[in-house]
Amino acid sequence: MLRKFADCNLPLVIIGGTFYMGWLMVVYVLTAGPIVALASQASAESKKFVRPVEKLYAPVGWLHGHTPLKHPLEAYAQLWGLKKKR
């Protein structure tokens, strides 16, 4: 039996969806460190695979340059062995 739309708990769905999307964003940013570290060590033959990785993590680069997350992101990148740009 299908439940009517009015019967479902809409605020709970909104809170759950917001929590899930926030969790996914945190995981996305945390995966940038190891992935970019691996991409920076790529050989000359595998450079064609680096470009899609750069495009995938371009929003993290935007966060680095346009938000107060610059210093935390730099510290996290240094944990993965990436050098600080001057």
PDB file of N, CA and C in Angstrom:
ATOM      1  N   MET A   1       0.835  -1.170   0.000  1.00  0.00           N
ATOM      2  CA  MET A   1       0.000   0.000   0.000  1.00  0.00           C
ATOM      3  C   MET A   1       0.894   1.253   0.000  1.00  0.00           C
ATOM      4  N   LEU A   2       0.654   2.150  -0.911  1.00  0.00           N
ATOM      5  CA  LEU A   2       1.447   3.367  -1.003  1.00  0.00           C
ATOM      6  C   LEU A   2       0.994   4.392   0.029  1.00  0.00           C
ATOM      7  N   ARG A   3       1.982   5.008   0.635  1.00  0.00           N
ATOM      8  CA  ARG A   3       1.647   6.057   1.597  1.00  0.00           C
ATOM      9  C   ARG A   3       1.434   7.360   0.850  1.00  0.00           C
ATOM     10  N   LYS A   4       0.554   8.156   1.334  1.00  0.00           N
ATOM     11  CA  LYS A   4       0.334   9.469   0.741  1.00  0.00           C
ATOM     12  C   LYS A   4       1.512  10.374   1.083  1.00  0.00           C
ATOM     13  N   PHE A   5       1.748  11.353   0.214  1.00  0.00           N
ATOM     14  CA  PHE A   5       2.844  12.284   0.418  1.00  0.00           C
ATOM     15  C   PHE A   5       2.708  13.020   1.744  1.00  0.00           C
ATOM     16  N   ALA A   6       1.504  13.356   2.131  1.00  0.00           N
ATOM     17  CA  ALA A   6       1.270  14.087   3.372  1.00  0.00           C
ATOM     18  C   ALA A   6       1.574  13.235   4.591  1.00  0.00           C
ATOM     19  N   ASP A   7       1.577  11.915   4.444  1.00  0.00           N
ATOM     20  CA  ASP A   7       1.819  11.039   5.577  1.00  0.00           C
ATOM     21  C   ASP A   7       3.301  10.879   5.896  1.00  0.00           C
ATOM     22  N   CYS A   8       4.165  11.127   4.930  1.00  0.00           N
ATOM     23  CA  CYS A   8       5.594  10.917   5.200  1.00  0.00           C
ATOM     24  C   CYS A   8       6.149  12.074   6.018  1.00  0.00           C
ATOM     25  N   ASN A   9       7.223  11.798   6.706  1.00  0.00           N
ATOM     26  CA  ASN A   9       7.825  12.777   7.602  1.00  0.00           C
ATOM     27  C   ASN A   9       8.827  13.624   6.822  1.00  0.00           C
ATOM     28  N   LEU A  10       8.345  14.657   6.150  1.00  0.00           N
ATOM     29  CA  LEU A  10       9.164  15.478   5.266  1.00  0.00           C
ATOM     30  C   LEU A  10      10.332  16.167   5.965  1.00  0.00           C
ATOM     31  N   PRO A  11      10.162  16.757   7.148  1.00  0.00           N
ATOM     32  CA  PRO A  11      11.325  17.383   7.792  1.00  0.00           C
ATOM     33  C   PRO A  11      12.454  16.385   8.067  1.00  0.00           C
ATOM     34  N   LEU A  12      12.116  15.166   8.428  1.00  0.00           N
ATOM     35  CA  LEU A  12      13.132  14.155   8.671  1.00  0.00           C
ATOM     36  C   LEU A  12      13.872  13.813   7.380  1.00  0.00           C
ATOM     37  N   VAL A  13      13.165  13.771   6.263  1.00  0.00           N
ATOM     38  CA  VAL A  13      13.792  13.496   4.969  1.00  0.00           C
ATOM     39  C   VAL A  13      14.740  14.632   4.594  1.00  0.00           C
ATOM     40  N   ILE A  14      14.344  15.864   4.831  1.00  0.00           N
ATOM     41  CA  ILE A  14      15.177  17.021   4.505  1.00  0.00           C
ATOM     42  C   ILE A  14      16.438  17.034   5.371  1.00  0.00           C
ATOM     43  N   ILE A  15      16.288  16.778   6.662  1.00  0.00           N
ATOM     44  CA  ILE A  15      17.442  16.751   7.562  1.00  0.00           C
ATOM     45  C   ILE A  15      18.379  15.604   7.189  1.00  0.00           C
ATOM     46  N   GLY A  16      17.829  14.450   6.904  1.00  0.00           N
ATOM     47  CA  GLY A  16      18.642  13.304   6.515  1.00  0.00           C
ATOM     48  C   GLY A  16      19.378  13.558   5.211  1.00  0.00           C
ATOM     49  N   GLY A  17      18.702  14.141   4.236  1.00  0.00           N
ATOM     50  CA  GLY A  17      19.338  14.452   2.951  1.00  0.00           C
ATOM     51  C   GLY A  17      20.440  15.482   3.100  1.00  0.00           C
ATOM     52  N   THR A  18      20.212  16.489   3.930  1.00  0.00           N
ATOM     53  CA  THR A  18      21.222  17.519   4.167  1.00  0.00           C
ATOM     54  C   THR A  18      22.448  16.924   4.855  1.00  0.00           C
ATOM     55  N   PHE A  19      22.209  16.062   5.851  1.00  0.00           N
ATOM     56  CA  PHE A  19      23.323  15.400   6.541  1.00  0.00           C
ATOM     57  C   PHE A  19      24.112  14.533   5.572  1.00  0.00           C
ATOM     58  N   TYR A  20      23.434  13.779   4.732  1.00  0.00           N
ATOM     59  CA  TYR A  20      24.086  12.897   3.773  1.00  0.00           C
ATOM     60  C   TYR A  20      24.926  13.690   2.775  1.00  0.00           C
ATOM     61  N   MET A  21      24.391  14.780   2.246  1.00  0.00           N
ATOM     62  CA  MET A  21      25.133  15.603   1.289  1.00  0.00           C
ATOM     63  C   MET A  21      26.334  16.268   1.960  1.00  0.00           C
ATOM     64  N   GLY A  22      26.168  16.716   3.193  1.00  0.00           N
ATOM     65  CA  GLY A  22      27.295  17.303   3.921  1.00  0.00           C
ATOM     66  C   GLY A  22      28.397  16.284   4.161  1.00  0.00           C
ATOM     67  N   TRP A  23      28.005  15.065   4.512  1.00  0.00           N
ATOM     68  CA  TRP A  23      28.975  13.987   4.722  1.00  0.00           C
ATOM     69  C   TRP A  23      29.721  13.681   3.428  1.00  0.00           C
ATOM     70  N   LEU A  24      29.004  13.650   2.307  1.00  0.00           N
ATOM     71  CA  LEU A  24      29.646  13.397   1.022  1.00  0.00           C
ATOM     72  C   LEU A  24      30.644  14.493   0.663  1.00  0.00           C
ATOM     73  N   MET A  25      30.320  15.749   0.981  1.00  0.00           N
ATOM     74  CA  MET A  25      31.250  16.849   0.698  1.00  0.00           C
ATOM     75  C   MET A  25      32.521  16.733   1.526  1.00  0.00           C
ATOM     76  N   VAL A  26      32.384  16.346   2.789  1.00  0.00           N
ATOM     77  CA  VAL A  26      33.562  16.182   3.647  1.00  0.00           C
ATOM     78  C   VAL A  26      34.440  15.057   3.110  1.00  0.00           C
ATOM     79  N   VAL A  27      33.826  13.943   2.722  1.00  0.00           N
ATOM     80  CA  VAL A  27      34.590  12.817   2.171  1.00  0.00           C
ATOM     81  C   VAL A  27      35.272  13.227   0.868  1.00  0.00           C
ATOM     82  N   TYR A  28      34.584  13.990   0.029  1.00  0.00           N
ATOM     83  CA  TYR A  28      35.158  14.476  -1.231  1.00  0.00           C
ATOM     84  C   TYR A  28      36.414  15.299  -0.976  1.00  0.00           C
ATOM     85  N   VAL A  29      36.343  16.224  -0.040  1.00  0.00           N
ATOM     86  CA  VAL A  29      37.497  17.078   0.258  1.00  0.00           C
ATOM     87  C   VAL A  29      38.629  16.253   0.870  1.00  0.00           C
ATOM     88  N   LEU A  30      38.301  15.292   1.732  1.00  0.00           N
ATOM     89  CA  LEU A  30      39.340  14.477   2.356  1.00  0.00           C
ATOM     90  C   LEU A  30      40.019  13.534   1.365  1.00  0.00           C
ATOM     91  N   THR A  31      39.333  13.136   0.310  1.00  0.00           N
ATOM     92  CA  THR A  31      39.969  12.274  -0.687  1.00  0.00           C
ATOM     93  C   THR A  31      40.882  13.064  -1.619  1.00  0.00           C
ATOM     94  N   ALA A  32      40.768  14.367  -1.610  1.00  0.00           N
ATOM     95  CA  ALA A  32      41.606  15.180  -2.487  1.00  0.00           C
ATOM     96  C   ALA A  32      43.086  15.037  -2.147  1.00  0.00           C
ATOM     97  N   GLY A  33      43.417  14.928  -0.872  1.00  0.00           N
ATOM     98  CA  GLY A  33      44.822  14.827  -0.467  1.00  0.00           C
ATOM     99  C   GLY A  33      45.536  13.637  -1.080  1.00  0.00           C
ATOM    100  N   PRO A  34      45.074  12.419  -0.826  1.00  0.00           N
ATOM    101  CA  PRO A  34      45.800  11.274  -1.385  1.00  0.00           C
ATOM    102  C   PRO A  34      45.734  11.189  -2.911  1.00  0.00           C
ATOM    103  N   ILE A  35      44.611  11.569  -3.497  1.00  0.00           N
ATOM    104  CA  ILE A  35      44.476  11.479  -4.948  1.00  0.00           C
ATOM    105  C   ILE A  35      45.401  12.483  -5.640  1.00  0.00           C
ATOM    106  N   VAL A  36      45.444  13.702  -5.161  1.00  0.00           N
ATOM    107  CA  VAL A  36      46.298  14.716  -5.768  1.00  0.00           C
ATOM    108  C   VAL A  36      47.774  14.388  -5.513  1.00  0.00           C
ATOM    109  N   ALA A  37      48.086  13.796  -4.354  1.00  0.00           N
ATOM    110  CA  ALA A  37      49.467  13.379  -4.095  1.00  0.00           C
ATOM    111  C   ALA A  37      49.895  12.305  -5.087  1.00  0.00           C
ATOM    112  N   LEU A  38      49.012  11.357  -5.362  1.00  0.00           N
ATOM    113  CA  LEU A  38      49.335  10.322  -6.353  1.00  0.00           C
ATOM    114  C   LEU A  38      49.470  10.923  -7.750  1.00  0.00           C
ATOM    115  N   ALA A  39      48.590  11.847  -8.084  1.00  0.00           N
ATOM    116  CA  ALA A  39      48.628  12.470  -9.409  1.00  0.00           C
ATOM    117  C   ALA A  39      49.889  13.310  -9.592  1.00  0.00           C
ATOM    118  N   SER A  40      50.364  13.928  -8.527  1.00  0.00           N
ATOM    119  CA  SER A  40      51.569  14.750  -8.642  1.00  0.00           C
ATOM    120  C   SER A  40      52.816  13.905  -8.854  1.00  0.00           C
ATOM    121  N   GLN A  41      52.762  12.635  -8.490  1.00  0.00           N
ATOM    122  CA  GLN A  41      53.901  11.740  -8.676  1.00  0.00           C
ATOM    123  C   GLN A  41      53.781  10.905  -9.941  1.00  0.00           C
ATOM    124  N   ALA A  42      52.848  11.240 -10.810  1.00  0.00           N
ATOM    125  CA  ALA A  42      52.623  10.459 -12.021  1.00  0.00           C
ATOM    126  C   ALA A  42      53.803  10.584 -12.973  1.00  0.00           C
ATOM    127  N   SER A  43      54.052   9.514 -13.685  1.00  0.00           N
ATOM    128  CA  SER A  43      55.134   9.525 -14.667  1.00  0.00           C
ATOM    129  C   SER A  43      54.699  10.282 -15.919  1.00  0.00           C
ATOM    130  N   ALA A  44      55.637  10.510 -16.793  1.00  0.00           N
ATOM    131  CA  ALA A  44      55.338  11.253 -18.016  1.00  0.00           C
ATOM    132  C   ALA A  44      54.333  10.513 -18.897  1.00  0.00           C
ATOM    133  N   GLU A  45      54.367   9.180 -18.889  1.00  0.00           N
ATOM    134  CA  GLU A  45      53.440   8.398 -19.711  1.00  0.00           C
ATOM    135  C   GLU A  45      52.007   8.456 -19.188  1.00  0.00           C
ATOM    136  N   SER A  46      51.850   8.638 -17.890  1.00  0.00           N
ATOM    137  CA  SER A  46      50.504   8.622 -17.314  1.00  0.00           C
ATOM    138  C   SER A  46      49.943  10.019 -17.070  1.00  0.00           C
ATOM    139  N   LYS A  47      50.565  11.050 -17.610  1.00  0.00           N
ATOM    140  CA  LYS A  47      50.069  12.420 -17.433  1.00  0.00           C
ATOM    141  C   LYS A  47      48.682  12.618 -18.053  1.00  0.00           C
ATOM    142  N   LYS A  48      48.305  11.796 -19.042  1.00  0.00           N
ATOM    143  CA  LYS A  48      46.984  11.952 -19.652  1.00  0.00           C
ATOM    144  C   LYS A  48      45.866  11.594 -18.671  1.00  0.00           C
ATOM    145  N   PHE A  49      46.206  10.851 -17.618  1.00  0.00           N
ATOM    146  CA  PHE A  49      45.209  10.505 -16.611  1.00  0.00           C
ATOM    147  C   PHE A  49      45.116  11.560 -15.518  1.00  0.00           C
ATOM    148  N   VAL A  50      46.081  12.457 -15.473  1.00  0.00           N
ATOM    149  CA  VAL A  50      46.102  13.489 -14.438  1.00  0.00           C
ATOM    150  C   VAL A  50      45.082  14.580 -14.733  1.00  0.00           C
ATOM    151  N   ARG A  51      44.876  14.905 -15.995  1.00  0.00           N
ATOM    152  CA  ARG A  51      43.950  15.985 -16.364  1.00  0.00           C
ATOM    153  C   ARG A  51      42.526  15.740 -15.848  1.00  0.00           C
ATOM    154  N   PRO A  52      41.943  14.534 -15.999  1.00  0.00           N
ATOM    155  CA  PRO A  52      40.609  14.313 -15.429  1.00  0.00           C
ATOM    156  C   PRO A  52      40.583  14.450 -13.906  1.00  0.00           C
ATOM    157  N   VAL A  53      41.668  14.058 -13.245  1.00  0.00           N
ATOM    158  CA  VAL A  53      41.735  14.204 -11.786  1.00  0.00           C
ATOM    159  C   VAL A  53      41.753  15.679 -11.416  1.00  0.00           C
ATOM    160  N   GLU A  54      42.491  16.475 -12.176  1.00  0.00           N
ATOM    161  CA  GLU A  54      42.517  17.918 -11.918  1.00  0.00           C
ATOM    162  C   GLU A  54      41.141  18.530 -12.100  1.00  0.00           C
ATOM    163  N   LYS A  55      40.420  18.097 -13.104  1.00  0.00           N
ATOM    164  CA  LYS A  55      39.067  18.620 -13.324  1.00  0.00           C
ATOM    165  C   LYS A  55      38.116  18.182 -12.207  1.00  0.00           C
ATOM    166  N   LEU A  56      38.251  16.940 -11.753  1.00  0.00           N
ATOM    167  CA  LEU A  56      37.378  16.423 -10.709  1.00  0.00           C
ATOM    168  C   LEU A  56      37.564  17.180  -9.400  1.00  0.00           C
ATOM    169  N   TYR A  57      38.811  17.532  -9.093  1.00  0.00           N
ATOM    170  CA  TYR A  57      39.091  18.206  -7.825  1.00  0.00           C
ATOM    171  C   TYR A  57      39.281  19.714  -7.981  1.00  0.00           C
ATOM    172  N   ALA A  58      38.869  20.286  -9.081  1.00  0.00           N
ATOM    173  CA  ALA A  58      38.951  21.739  -9.277  1.00  0.00           C
ATOM    174  C   ALA A  58      38.151  22.521  -8.231  1.00  0.00           C
ATOM    175  N   PRO A  59      36.979  22.045  -7.790  1.00  0.00           N
ATOM    176  CA  PRO A  59      36.265  22.786  -6.738  1.00  0.00           C
ATOM    177  C   PRO A  59      37.046  22.899  -5.428  1.00  0.00           C
ATOM    178  N   VAL A  60      37.882  21.916  -5.121  1.00  0.00           N
ATOM    179  CA  VAL A  60      38.706  22.004  -3.916  1.00  0.00           C
ATOM    180  C   VAL A  60      39.741  23.121  -4.095  1.00  0.00           C
ATOM    181  N   GLY A  61      40.254  23.259  -5.298  1.00  0.00           N
ATOM    182  CA  GLY A  61      41.168  24.365  -5.583  1.00  0.00           C
ATOM    183  C   GLY A  61      40.484  25.708  -5.434  1.00  0.00           C
ATOM    184  N   TRP A  62      39.226  25.767  -5.842  1.00  0.00           N
ATOM    185  CA  TRP A  62      38.463  27.007  -5.671  1.00  0.00           C
ATOM    186  C   TRP A  62      38.274  27.297  -4.182  1.00  0.00           C
ATOM    187  N   LEU A  63      37.966  26.267  -3.397  1.00  0.00           N
ATOM    188  CA  LEU A  63      37.820  26.455  -1.948  1.00  0.00           C
ATOM    189  C   LEU A  63      39.116  26.993  -1.355  1.00  0.00           C
ATOM    190  N   HIS A  64      40.229  26.508  -1.853  1.00  0.00           N
ATOM    191  CA  HIS A  64      41.534  26.926  -1.351  1.00  0.00           C
ATOM    192  C   HIS A  64      41.779  28.405  -1.618  1.00  0.00           C
ATOM    193  N   GLY A  65      41.345  28.878  -2.764  1.00  0.00           N
ATOM    194  CA  GLY A  65      41.647  30.258  -3.133  1.00  0.00           C
ATOM    195  C   GLY A  65      40.618  31.289  -2.737  1.00  0.00           C
ATOM    196  N   HIS A  66      39.387  30.880  -2.463  1.00  0.00           N
ATOM    197  CA  HIS A  66      38.316  31.865  -2.268  1.00  0.00           C
ATOM    198  C   HIS A  66      37.598  31.767  -0.929  1.00  0.00           C
ATOM    199  N   THR A  67      38.046  30.933  -0.028  1.00  0.00           N
ATOM    200  CA  THR A  67      37.359  30.784   1.258  1.00  0.00           C
ATOM    201  C   THR A  67      38.385  30.789   2.386  1.00  0.00           C
ATOM    202  N   PRO A  68      37.928  30.866   3.620  1.00  0.00           N
ATOM    203  CA  PRO A  68      38.861  30.813   4.757  1.00  0.00           C
ATOM    204  C   PRO A  68      39.483  29.426   4.976  1.00  0.00           C
ATOM    205  N   LEU A  69      39.211  28.479   4.103  1.00  0.00           N
ATOM    206  CA  LEU A  69      39.767  27.133   4.243  1.00  0.00           C
ATOM    207  C   LEU A  69      41.184  27.014   3.683  1.00  0.00           C
ATOM    208  N   LYS A  70      41.784  28.121   3.293  1.00  0.00           N
ATOM    209  CA  LYS A  70      43.107  28.074   2.656  1.00  0.00           C
ATOM    210  C   LYS A  70      44.134  27.386   3.553  1.00  0.00           C
ATOM    211  N   HIS A  71      44.266  27.835   4.770  1.00  0.00           N
ATOM    212  CA  HIS A  71      45.294  27.286   5.658  1.00  0.00           C
ATOM    213  C   HIS A  71      45.002  25.846   6.077  1.00  0.00           C
ATOM    214  N   PRO A  72      43.774  25.484   6.442  1.00  0.00           N
ATOM    215  CA  PRO A  72      43.519  24.072   6.754  1.00  0.00           C
ATOM    216  C   PRO A  72      43.759  23.143   5.559  1.00  0.00           C
ATOM    217  N   LEU A  73      43.388  23.581   4.350  1.00  0.00           N
ATOM    218  CA  LEU A  73      43.620  22.749   3.171  1.00  0.00           C
ATOM    219  C   LEU A  73      45.113  22.608   2.874  1.00  0.00           C
ATOM    220  N   GLU A  74      45.878  23.680   3.075  1.00  0.00           N
ATOM    221  CA  GLU A  74      47.325  23.594   2.884  1.00  0.00           C
ATOM    222  C   GLU A  74      47.959  22.649   3.896  1.00  0.00           C
ATOM    223  N   ALA A  75      47.511  22.715   5.146  1.00  0.00           N
ATOM    224  CA  ALA A  75      48.049  21.822   6.175  1.00  0.00           C
ATOM    225  C   ALA A  75      47.703  20.372   5.850  1.00  0.00           C
ATOM    226  N   TYR A  76      46.495  20.138   5.377  1.00  0.00           N
ATOM    227  CA  TYR A  76      46.091  18.777   5.013  1.00  0.00           C
ATOM    228  C   TYR A  76      46.898  18.267   3.817  1.00  0.00           C
ATOM    229  N   ALA A  77      47.151  19.127   2.854  1.00  0.00           N
ATOM    230  CA  ALA A  77      47.948  18.729   1.692  1.00  0.00           C
ATOM    231  C   ALA A  77      49.384  18.409   2.103  1.00  0.00           C
ATOM    232  N   GLN A  78      49.917  19.133   3.070  1.00  0.00           N
ATOM    233  CA  GLN A  78      51.273  18.860   3.541  1.00  0.00           C
ATOM    234  C   GLN A  78      51.351  17.509   4.251  1.00  0.00           C
ATOM    235  N   LEU A  79      50.256  17.068   4.862  1.00  0.00           N
ATOM    236  CA  LEU A  79      50.235  15.736   5.464  1.00  0.00           C
ATOM    237  C   LEU A  79      50.457  14.651   4.404  1.00  0.00           C
ATOM    238  N   TRP A  80      50.023  14.927   3.187  1.00  0.00           N
ATOM    239  CA  TRP A  80      50.167  13.960   2.105  1.00  0.00           C
ATOM    240  C   TRP A  80      51.420  14.201   1.283  1.00  0.00           C
ATOM    241  N   GLY A  81      52.286  15.091   1.730  1.00  0.00           N
ATOM    242  CA  GLY A  81      53.568  15.292   1.081  1.00  0.00           C
ATOM    243  C   GLY A  81      53.563  16.307  -0.038  1.00  0.00           C
ATOM    244  N   LEU A  82      52.506  17.074  -0.191  1.00  0.00           N
ATOM    245  CA  LEU A  82      52.466  18.102  -1.231  1.00  0.00           C
ATOM    246  C   LEU A  82      53.134  19.375  -0.708  1.00  0.00           C
ATOM    247  N   LYS A  83      53.897  20.001  -1.557  1.00  0.00           N
ATOM    248  CA  LYS A  83      54.619  21.217  -1.180  1.00  0.00           C
ATOM    249  C   LYS A  83      53.685  22.419  -1.219  1.00  0.00           C
ATOM    250  N   LYS A  84      53.962  23.376  -0.360  1.00  0.00           N
ATOM    251  CA  LYS A  84      53.211  24.612  -0.302  1.00  0.00           C
ATOM    252  C   LYS A  84      53.657  25.512  -1.440  1.00  0.00           C
ATOM    253  N   LYS A  85      52.691  26.018  -2.236  1.00  0.00           N
ATOM    254  CA  LYS A  85      53.026  26.938  -3.334  1.00  0.00           C
ATOM    255  C   LYS A  85      53.313  28.318  -2.762  1.00  0.00           C
ATOM    256  N   ARG A  86      54.311  28.955  -3.331  1.00  0.00           N
ATOM    257  CA  ARG A  86      54.680  30.298  -2.858  1.00  0.00           C
ATOM    258  C   ARG A  86      54.313  31.318  -3.861  1.00  0.00           C
TER     259      ARG A  86
END
